[in-house]
């Protein structure tokens, strides 16, 4: 997995765990919903500032978004 794939996987997983829609997460992080969607689909790469905003919106450490998952399951 590339770091972009890791971010996409973790972002989607954490958002789902917290029961948030892409729209709600985008609102909390002050981002556009389509940008969040693109990050989750690995279309765009995120700046470190965006990673921090997403982490804050999810109440996790930025490093949690960049940790390689222990499972080999890839994003669907």
Protein backbone atom coordinates (compact mmCIF):
# COMPACT_ATOMS: atom_id res chain seq x y z
CA UNK A 1 0.00 0.00 0.00
CA UNK A 2 1.22 3.47 -0.83
CA UNK A 3 0.88 6.20 1.80
CA UNK A 4 -2.02 7.66 -0.24
CA UNK A 5 -3.77 4.28 -0.13
CA UNK A 6 -3.15 4.07 3.62
CA UNK A 7 -4.67 7.51 4.16
CA UNK A 8 -7.68 6.65 1.98
CA UNK A 9 -8.26 3.35 3.80
CA UNK A 10 -7.88 4.81 7.30
CA UNK A 11 -9.90 7.93 6.56
CA UNK A 12 -12.86 5.92 5.32
CA UNK A 13 -12.59 3.35 8.13
CA UNK A 14 -12.40 5.97 10.89
CA UNK A 15 -15.25 7.96 9.39
CA UNK A 16 -17.42 4.84 9.24
CA UNK A 17 -16.46 3.82 12.81
CA UNK A 18 -17.69 7.20 14.02
CA UNK A 19 -20.87 7.04 11.97
CA UNK A 20 -20.06 10.20 10.05
CA UNK A 21 -21.10 11.00 6.51
CA UNK A 22 -18.55 12.48 4.15
CA UNK A 23 -20.53 15.69 4.32
CA UNK A 24 -20.37 15.88 8.12
CA UNK A 25 -16.65 15.11 8.18
CA UNK A 26 -16.03 17.70 5.48
CA UNK A 27 -18.01 20.27 7.46
CA UNK A 28 -16.04 19.55 10.65
CA UNK A 29 -12.72 19.75 8.79
CA UNK A 30 -13.82 22.80 6.76
CA UNK A 31 -13.28 20.97 3.49
CA UNK A 32 -15.48 20.27 0.50
CA UNK A 33 -17.35 16.96 0.57
CA UNK A 34 -16.15 16.08 -2.92
CA UNK A 35 -12.54 16.54 -1.75
CA UNK A 36 -13.11 14.12 1.16
CA UNK A 37 -14.64 11.67 -1.31
CA UNK A 38 -11.64 12.03 -3.61
CA UNK A 39 -9.23 11.41 -0.73
CA UNK A 40 -11.12 8.27 0.26
CA UNK A 41 -10.99 7.04 -3.33
CA UNK A 42 -7.25 7.82 -3.58
CA UNK A 43 -7.81 10.35 -6.37
CA UNK A 44 -5.95 13.20 -4.66
CA UNK A 45 -3.10 13.36 -2.22
CA UNK A 46 -3.53 15.47 0.91
CA UNK A 47 -1.19 18.06 2.31
CA UNK A 48 0.02 17.61 5.86
CA UNK A 49 -2.25 20.49 6.87
CA UNK A 50 -5.30 18.67 5.46
CA UNK A 51 -4.27 15.48 7.27
CA UNK A 52 -4.16 17.47 10.50
CA UNK A 53 -7.60 19.03 9.87
CA UNK A 54 -9.11 15.62 9.14
CA UNK A 55 -7.49 14.11 12.24
CA UNK A 56 -8.83 16.94 14.40
CA UNK A 57 -12.30 16.50 12.93
CA UNK A 58 -12.13 12.77 13.73
CA UNK A 59 -10.60 13.36 17.19
CA UNK A 60 -7.59 11.18 16.42
CA UNK A 61 -3.87 11.81 16.06
CA UNK A 62 -2.71 12.63 12.55
CA UNK A 63 -0.44 9.59 12.77
CA UNK A 64 -3.56 7.39 13.08
CA UNK A 65 -4.51 8.38 9.55
CA UNK A 66 -1.09 7.37 8.25
CA UNK A 67 -0.56 4.07 10.09
CA UNK A 68 -0.46 1.05 7.84
CA UNK A 69 -3.36 -1.26 8.72
CA UNK A 70 -2.41 -4.61 10.20
CA UNK A 71 -4.88 -6.31 7.90
CA UNK A 72 -4.06 -6.84 4.25
CA UNK A 73 -7.64 -6.04 3.30
CA UNK A 74 -7.64 -3.35 0.66
CA UNK A 75 -10.26 -0.67 0.19
CA UNK A 76 -13.36 -1.70 -1.67
